[in-house]
Amino acid sequence: MPTAKNPAHAPNINVPLFWPALMAAELTRQGLDLAVRNVRFLKEETRLHGGIKPRLATAHTVRLRLRTLSLCDYSAEGAGGLPTLVVAPYAGHTSMIADYHEGQSLMQTLRAAGVGRVLLTDWHSATPDMKDFEVDQYLEELLACVDDLGGRVCLVALCQGGWISAMLAARFPDKVQAMVLAGSPIDTHAGHGPLVRMVRDSPMSFYRELVASGGGLMPGRYMLAGWKNMHPEQHYVQDHIDLYEHIDDPVWLRKAEAFDRWYENPLDLPGRWYLQVIEQLFKHNEFAHGRFVGLGQRLQLRNIRCPLYLLAGESDDITPREQVFAAEQLSASTKVEKRVVPGGHVGLFMGARTLEQAWPAIAAWLRANGAGQAPT
């Protein structure tokens, strides 16, 4: 009698006649497994490259919602005194760079290290009606945030958030108690990074054509392509190989999704703002030379008198350390601390090692220089 384990119709694998059929069945099974894997890969590719949307990792409230930004409040309950305002970069990616994911967040690190009253600029993607905004509009709304917080703050400025923070401190020096400049291009002609060469070698007509093709905006997808082209093999080949190799690894996928939630979702920028920044700040270096006009006055870096903490990445190819450390000579601050940490540009703000090893000391420096103290 046939049994459930040995049905009458089951082939006898001891009979060589059936070996080719068994081999074919095994190949078919492997083929189906491969097909399923490929479907998972394609689905994850779609999700990672624009299919998942950015979001700030930590619970917060929105204190102000302005045209160019939302002011997000991460403060501990009952925290008082001078606030610390983290000015995220407005350079194409979202402010998620400062609040990346649970356990790997600059906002969480500052809070845990005793900076109890801390807020973040969450920049908005530009819409067509914002295409003619200039740097002044962004300075005005950053100033509105400072005034809403009492008129005097400590600033933690990341990347491009550094030059707009330095502009604010140069225009209104009494409003800034202390300032951290992390990977911030203050002297944009210093050093020899690829970004310096790219901006120098590309005519303004190239950037104007990009803006014109974006209907007056600088589309984030153009900038994303430009960043990827700085390391094309990594982004166009290796990233896809890595994904395919790890498609069955949920831990790896969670990390990849967190990164691409930020990286693959760039912001659009106002075209007029973008061209102003490229021409006046990066091509002609007008801010470092005291020729940039902001809110009706030439902005002089020597007006900055507050304590400065300058943080640079050892292998940063976006903002070389020379661009950051130039703030020491160009400002009038008599209290300057400098630090170089291992790694590149993005790691300064969201790298686990730098968050663990460097930023708690920066938080202590902020507290020692007035963060959280009662305003006088």
Protein backbone atom coordinates (compact mmCIF):
# COMPACT_ATOMS: atom_id res chain seq x y z
CA MET A 1 0.00 0.00 0.00
CA PRO A 2 1.29 3.46 -0.82
CA THR A 3 1.76 5.76 2.14
CA ALA A 4 1.61 9.52 2.48
CA LYS A 5 5.41 9.57 2.52
CA ASN A 6 5.65 7.27 -0.48
CA PRO A 7 2.68 7.89 -2.78
CA ALA A 8 2.13 5.48 -5.61
CA HIS A 9 2.84 8.16 -8.20
CA ALA A 10 6.19 9.22 -6.68
CA PRO A 11 9.14 8.40 -8.95
CA ASN A 12 11.68 5.90 -7.72
CA ILE A 13 14.83 7.96 -7.34
CA ASN A 14 16.89 4.76 -7.45
CA VAL A 15 15.93 4.30 -11.07
CA PRO A 16 18.36 6.21 -13.35
CA LEU A 17 15.52 6.87 -15.79
CA PHE A 18 14.19 9.55 -13.40
CA TRP A 19 17.46 11.33 -12.66
CA PRO A 20 17.15 13.88 -15.52
CA ALA A 21 13.59 14.66 -14.42
CA LEU A 22 14.73 15.25 -10.82
CA MET A 23 17.53 17.48 -12.04
CA ALA A 24 15.08 19.48 -14.12
CA ALA A 25 12.75 19.79 -11.14
CA GLU A 26 15.61 21.06 -8.96
CA LEU A 27 16.67 23.58 -11.61
CA THR A 28 13.07 24.75 -11.89
CA ARG A 29 12.89 25.21 -8.12
CA GLN A 30 16.13 27.18 -8.13
CA GLY A 31 14.86 29.23 -11.03
CA LEU A 32 11.70 30.10 -9.16
CA ASP A 33 13.76 31.04 -6.10
CA LEU A 34 15.95 33.22 -8.30
CA ALA A 35 12.90 34.85 -9.84
CA VAL A 36 11.47 35.60 -6.41
CA ARG A 37 14.80 37.07 -5.34
CA ASN A 38 14.91 39.22 -8.46
CA VAL A 39 11.40 40.51 -7.79
CA ARG A 40 12.38 41.41 -4.23
CA PHE A 41 15.48 43.15 -5.56
CA LEU A 42 13.53 45.22 -8.10
CA LYS A 43 10.90 46.12 -5.52
CA GLU A 44 13.56 47.24 -3.03
CA GLU A 45 15.39 49.19 -5.75
CA THR A 46 12.20 51.13 -6.42
CA ARG A 47 11.68 51.81 -2.73
CA LEU A 48 15.24 52.93 -2.08
CA HIS A 49 15.43 55.24 -5.09
CA GLY A 50 12.61 57.62 -4.33
CA GLY A 51 9.95 55.17 -3.19
CA ILE A 52 10.38 55.94 0.52
CA LYS A 53 10.05 59.47 1.84
CA PRO A 54 12.29 61.29 4.31
CA ARG A 55 11.23 61.77 7.91
CA LEU A 56 12.84 63.07 11.06
CA ALA A 57 13.58 60.20 13.42
CA THR A 58 12.84 61.76 16.82
CA ALA A 59 9.59 63.02 18.31
CA HIS A 60 9.37 66.82 18.29
CA THR A 61 6.92 69.68 17.99
CA VAL A 62 6.78 72.35 15.30
CA ARG A 63 7.21 75.71 17.00
CA LEU A 64 7.02 77.83 13.83
CA ARG A 65 5.97 77.00 10.28
CA LEU A 66 7.43 79.59 7.91
CA ARG A 67 7.58 79.77 4.13
CA THR A 68 11.12 78.39 3.85
CA LEU A 69 11.34 76.20 6.95
CA SER A 70 9.67 74.65 9.95
CA LEU A 71 11.27 75.29 13.33
CA CYS A 72 11.26 71.91 15.09
CA ASP A 73 11.55 71.83 18.88
CA TYR A 74 13.33 68.83 20.42
CA SER A 75 13.71 70.38 23.87
CA ALA A 76 13.53 68.31 27.04
CA GLU A 77 10.48 68.96 29.17
CA GLY A 78 11.04 71.97 31.38
CA ALA A 79 14.34 72.95 29.72
CA GLY A 80 15.04 76.67 29.83
CA GLY A 81 17.76 79.22 29.28
CA LEU A 82 19.49 80.04 26.03
CA PRO A 83 18.36 77.69 23.24
CA THR A 84 20.66 75.91 20.83
CA LEU A 85 19.50 76.15 17.23
CA VAL A 86 20.82 73.49 14.84
CA VAL A 87 20.94 75.00 11.34
CA ALA A 88 20.79 72.10 8.88
CA PRO A 89 22.26 72.48 5.40
CA TYR A 90 20.02 73.81 2.66
CA ALA A 91 21.96 72.29 -0.19
CA GLY A 92 19.61 69.79 -1.77
CA HIS A 93 19.06 67.22 0.97
CA THR A 94 16.56 67.34 3.81
CA SER A 95 17.25 68.22 7.44
CA MET A 96 17.05 64.51 8.23
CA ILE A 97 20.86 64.72 8.16
CA ALA A 98 20.63 66.06 11.75
CA ASP A 99 18.03 63.52 12.90
CA TYR A 100 18.89 60.45 10.87
CA HIS A 101 17.43 57.52 12.75
CA GLU A 102 16.95 56.18 16.26
CA GLY A 103 20.31 55.82 17.98
CA GLN A 104 22.17 57.69 15.23
CA SER A 105 20.92 61.25 15.49
CA LEU A 106 22.72 64.51 16.21
CA MET A 107 19.59 65.89 17.89
CA GLN A 108 19.44 62.88 20.21
CA THR A 109 23.18 63.13 20.91
CA LEU A 110 22.96 66.79 21.92
CA ARG A 111 19.96 66.11 24.15
CA ALA A 112 21.66 63.14 25.82
CA ALA A 113 24.80 65.22 26.39
CA GLY A 114 22.93 67.85 28.35
CA VAL A 115 21.85 70.40 25.74
CA GLY A 116 18.27 70.37 26.93
CA ARG A 117 16.76 73.20 24.90
CA VAL A 118 17.53 72.38 21.28
CA LEU A 119 15.75 73.09 17.99
CA LEU A 120 16.26 72.34 14.30
CA THR A 121 15.62 74.16 11.03
CA ASP A 122 13.69 71.79 8.77
CA TRP A 123 14.03 73.39 5.34
CA HIS A 124 11.20 73.12 2.81
CA SER A 125 11.57 72.12 -0.80
CA ALA A 126 11.10 75.15 -3.05
CA THR A 127 7.87 75.41 -5.01
CA PRO A 128 7.46 77.33 -8.29
CA ASP A 129 6.22 80.45 -6.48
CA MET A 130 9.53 80.51 -4.57
CA LYS A 131 11.75 80.50 -7.65
CA ASP A 132 12.79 84.15 -7.19
CA PHE A 133 13.67 83.89 -3.49
CA GLU A 134 17.19 85.10 -2.64
CA VAL A 135 19.53 84.60 0.31
CA ASP A 136 17.83 87.53 2.06
CA GLN A 137 14.54 85.61 2.37
CA TYR A 138 16.33 82.77 4.14
CA LEU A 139 18.26 85.15 6.39
CA GLU A 140 15.01 86.89 7.33
CA GLU A 141 13.29 83.67 8.33
CA LEU A 142 16.33 82.39 10.23
CA LEU A 143 16.31 85.74 12.06
CA ALA A 144 12.59 85.28 12.77
CA CYS A 145 13.41 81.93 14.42
CA VAL A 146 16.11 83.51 16.59
CA ASP A 147 13.82 86.35 17.65
CA ASP A 148 11.00 83.93 18.41
CA LEU A 149 13.41 82.09 20.73
CA GLY A 150 14.17 85.25 22.67
CA GLY A 151 16.64 87.03 20.43
CA ARG A 152 19.87 85.26 21.46
CA VAL A 153 20.90 81.67 20.72
CA CYS A 154 23.78 79.26 20.37
CA LEU A 155 24.11 78.07 16.78
CA VAL A 156 25.18 74.62 15.60
CA ALA A 157 25.67 75.01 11.85
CA LEU A 158 26.09 72.04 9.52
CA CYS A 159 27.68 72.31 6.06
CA GLN A 160 25.85 75.00 4.03
CA GLY A 161 23.99 75.95 7.19
CA GLY A 162 27.36 77.33 8.26
CA TRP A 163 27.63 80.22 5.88
CA ILE A 164 24.07 81.40 6.48
CA SER A 165 24.64 81.14 10.25
CA ALA A 166 27.89 83.07 9.91
CA MET A 167 26.00 85.68 7.87
CA LEU A 168 23.47 86.03 10.67
CA ALA A 169 26.25 86.32 13.26
CA ALA A 170 28.06 88.93 11.13
CA ARG A 171 24.87 90.95 10.56
CA PHE A 172 23.57 90.65 14.15
CA PRO A 173 26.55 89.68 16.36
CA ASP A 174 24.66 90.28 19.62
CA LYS A 175 22.13 87.59 18.73
CA VAL A 176 24.66 84.74 18.74
CA GLN A 177 26.12 83.53 22.04
CA ALA A 178 28.38 80.81 20.58
CA MET A 179 28.62 79.03 17.25
CA VAL A 180 29.70 75.59 16.04
CA LEU A 181 30.70 75.40 12.37
CA ALA A 182 30.81 71.76 11.25
CA GLY A 183 32.01 71.12 7.69
CA SER A 184 31.00 74.71 6.86
CA PRO A 185 32.46 76.45 3.78
CA ILE A 186 33.45 79.91 5.07
CA ASP A 187 36.29 80.54 2.62
CA THR A 188 35.04 78.68 -0.43
CA HIS A 189 38.33 79.06 -2.33
CA ALA A 190 40.47 77.40 0.32
CA GLY A 191 41.67 73.83 -0.13
CA HIS A 192 41.57 71.71 -3.25
CA GLY A 193 38.38 69.65 -3.07
CA PRO A 194 36.57 68.44 -6.22
CA LEU A 195 33.65 70.78 -5.52
CA VAL A 196 36.02 73.77 -5.65
CA ARG A 197 37.31 72.65 -9.04
CA MET A 198 33.86 71.83 -10.40
CA VAL A 199 32.42 75.24 -9.56
CA ARG A 200 35.53 77.04 -10.80
CA ASP A 201 35.63 75.21 -14.12
CA SER A 202 31.90 75.36 -14.96
CA PRO A 203 30.67 78.60 -16.59
CA MET A 204 27.66 80.39 -15.10
CA SER A 205 25.80 79.70 -18.34
CA PHE A 206 25.81 76.01 -17.38
CA TYR A 207 24.07 76.71 -14.06
CA ARG A 208 21.63 79.15 -15.68
CA GLU A 209 20.64 76.50 -18.21
CA LEU A 210 20.00 74.01 -15.40
CA VAL A 211 17.72 76.50 -13.65
CA ALA A 212 15.96 77.38 -16.89
CA SER A 213 15.30 73.71 -17.61
CA GLY A 214 13.83 73.42 -14.09
CA GLY A 215 11.32 76.19 -14.77
CA GLY A 216 13.15 78.65 -12.52
CA LEU A 217 14.02 76.10 -9.83
CA MET A 218 17.17 74.07 -9.32
CA PRO A 219 15.67 70.56 -9.25
CA GLY A 220 17.00 68.30 -6.54
CA ARG A 221 17.30 65.42 -8.99
CA TYR A 222 19.92 67.39 -10.93
CA MET A 223 22.02 67.90 -7.80
CA LEU A 224 21.61 64.26 -6.82
CA ALA A 225 22.98 63.23 -10.21
CA GLY A 226 25.89 65.62 -9.74
CA TRP A 227 26.78 64.19 -6.32
CA LYS A 228 26.59 60.65 -7.65
CA ASN A 229 28.83 61.56 -10.57
CA MET A 230 31.57 62.54 -8.10
CA HIS A 231 31.79 58.81 -7.26
CA PRO A 232 30.03 57.13 -10.20
CA GLU A 233 31.30 53.57 -9.71
CA GLN A 234 30.01 53.49 -6.14
CA HIS A 235 26.56 54.86 -6.92
CA TYR A 236 25.84 53.35 -10.33
CA VAL A 237 27.43 49.92 -9.87
CA GLN A 238 28.52 48.98 -6.37
CA ASP A 239 25.37 50.15 -4.56
CA HIS A 240 23.23 47.87 -6.74
CA ILE A 241 25.57 44.92 -6.28
CA ASP A 242 25.50 45.45 -2.52
CA LEU A 243 21.71 45.54 -2.50
CA TYR A 244 21.43 42.31 -4.52
CA GLU A 245 23.89 40.54 -2.22
CA HIS A 246 22.03 41.65 0.92
CA ILE A 247 18.43 41.39 -0.31
CA ASP A 248 17.74 38.68 2.29
CA ASP A 249 19.44 40.56 5.17
CA PRO A 250 16.79 42.60 7.05
CA VAL A 251 19.37 44.41 9.23
CA TRP A 252 21.34 45.56 6.19
CA LEU A 253 18.13 46.59 4.42
CA ARG A 254 16.96 48.70 7.39
CA LYS A 255 20.26 50.60 7.33
CA ALA A 256 20.11 51.03 3.57
CA GLU A 257 16.53 52.27 3.73
CA ALA A 258 17.41 54.80 6.44
CA PHE A 259 20.24 56.20 4.33
CA ASP A 260 18.31 56.30 1.08
CA ARG A 261 15.28 57.80 2.81
CA TRP A 262 17.55 60.81 3.22
CA TYR A 263 19.91 60.57 0.24
CA GLU A 264 17.48 59.70 -2.57
CA ASN A 265 14.94 62.44 -1.74
CA PRO A 266 16.58 65.77 -2.55
CA LEU A 267 14.94 69.19 -2.18
CA ASP A 268 14.33 71.64 -5.00
CA LEU A 269 16.00 75.04 -4.53
CA PRO A 270 14.91 78.50 -5.72
CA GLY A 271 16.72 79.21 -8.96
CA ARG A 272 17.59 82.81 -8.12
CA TRP A 273 18.93 81.74 -4.69
CA TYR A 274 20.96 78.94 -6.26
CA LEU A 275 22.55 81.17 -8.91
CA GLN A 276 23.32 83.84 -6.30
CA VAL A 277 25.06 81.28 -4.09
CA ILE A 278 27.06 79.74 -6.95
CA GLU A 279 28.20 83.06 -8.41
CA GLN A 280 28.68 85.26 -5.35
CA LEU A 281 29.72 82.77 -2.69
CA PHE A 282 31.45 79.95 -4.55
CA LYS A 283 32.80 81.57 -7.70
CA HIS A 284 33.71 85.02 -6.33
CA ASN A 285 33.98 84.16 -2.60
CA GLU A 286 32.32 87.47 -1.74
CA PHE A 287 31.40 86.59 1.84
CA ALA A 288 34.98 85.74 2.82
CA HIS A 289 36.14 88.99 1.19
CA GLY A 290 33.50 91.14 2.92
CA ARG A 291 31.66 92.06 -0.27
CA PHE A 292 28.43 90.07 0.13
CA VAL A 293 25.39 92.23 0.91
CA GLY A 294 22.85 90.67 3.26
CA LEU A 295 19.76 92.44 4.61
CA GLY A 296 21.02 95.78 3.32
CA GLN A 297 24.60 95.69 4.63
CA ARG A 298 27.95 94.32 3.55
CA LEU A 299 28.56 91.35 5.81
CA GLN A 300 31.93 91.41 7.55
CA LEU A 301 33.15 88.20 9.15
CA ARG A 302 35.27 90.30 11.52
CA ASN A 303 32.01 91.37 13.20
CA ILE A 304 31.72 87.83 14.61
CA ARG A 305 33.02 87.98 18.19
CA CYS A 306 31.37 84.95 19.81
CA PRO A 307 33.26 81.75 20.75
CA LEU A 308 33.69 79.38 17.78
CA TYR A 309 34.05 75.62 17.57
CA LEU A 310 35.30 74.47 14.15
CA LEU A 311 34.83 70.81 13.17
CA ALA A 312 36.27 69.29 9.99
CA GLY A 313 36.51 65.83 8.44
CA GLU A 314 39.95 64.41 7.72
CA SER A 315 38.92 63.11 4.28
CA ASP A 316 36.11 65.57 3.55
CA ASP A 317 36.08 66.13 -0.23
CA ILE A 318 33.05 68.46 -0.12
CA THR A 319 34.30 71.04 2.40
CA PRO A 320 38.05 70.73 3.01
CA ARG A 321 39.20 71.65 6.50
CA GLU A 322 40.86 74.84 5.16
CA GLN A 323 37.42 76.23 4.26
CA VAL A 324 36.15 75.62 7.80
CA PHE A 325 39.24 76.74 9.71
CA ALA A 326 39.40 80.01 7.75
CA ALA A 327 36.78 81.30 10.20
CA GLU A 328 39.50 81.62 12.83
CA GLN A 329 41.45 84.22 10.83
CA LEU A 330 38.47 85.95 9.24
CA SER A 331 36.43 86.47 12.43
CA ALA A 332 37.26 88.56 15.49
CA SER A 333 36.62 85.69 17.90
CA THR A 334 39.29 85.31 20.55
CA LYS A 335 38.00 81.93 21.69
CA VAL A 336 38.32 79.34 18.93
CA GLU A 337 38.52 75.58 19.26
CA LYS A 338 39.32 73.37 16.26
CA ARG A 339 39.03 69.64 15.75
CA VAL A 340 39.61 67.24 12.86
CA VAL A 341 37.86 63.87 13.02
CA PRO A 342 38.33 60.76 10.84
CA GLY A 343 35.99 60.35 7.89
CA GLY A 344 34.32 62.39 5.22
CA HIS A 345 31.68 65.07 4.98
CA VAL A 346 28.39 63.36 5.78
CA GLY A 347 29.99 61.46 8.65
CA LEU A 348 30.48 64.76 10.51
CA PHE A 349 26.74 64.98 11.16
CA MET A 350 25.38 61.45 10.98
CA GLY A 351 28.34 59.09 11.35
CA ALA A 352 27.96 56.83 14.39
CA ARG A 353 31.63 57.16 15.35
CA THR A 354 31.67 60.97 15.21
CA LEU A 355 28.35 61.21 17.04
CA GLU A 356 29.77 59.02 19.80
CA GLN A 357 33.29 60.43 20.02
CA ALA A 358 33.13 64.10 19.00
CA TRP A 359 29.68 65.57 19.57
CA PRO A 360 29.37 64.95 23.34
CA ALA A 361 32.50 67.10 23.76
CA ILE A 362 30.94 69.74 21.52
CA ALA A 363 27.80 69.64 23.65
CA ALA A 364 29.96 70.20 26.75
CA TRP A 365 31.61 73.14 24.96
CA LEU A 366 28.19 74.60 24.18
CA ARG A 367 27.12 74.33 27.81
CA ALA A 368 30.37 75.93 28.95
CA ASN A 369 29.72 78.81 26.55
CA GLY A 370 26.17 79.58 27.54
CA ALA A 371 23.82 76.98 26.10
CA GLY A 372 21.03 76.44 28.58
CA GLN A 373 22.10 79.25 30.87
CA ALA A 374 19.53 81.85 31.83
CA PRO A 375 19.68 84.87 29.51
CA THR A 376 21.18 87.98 31.09
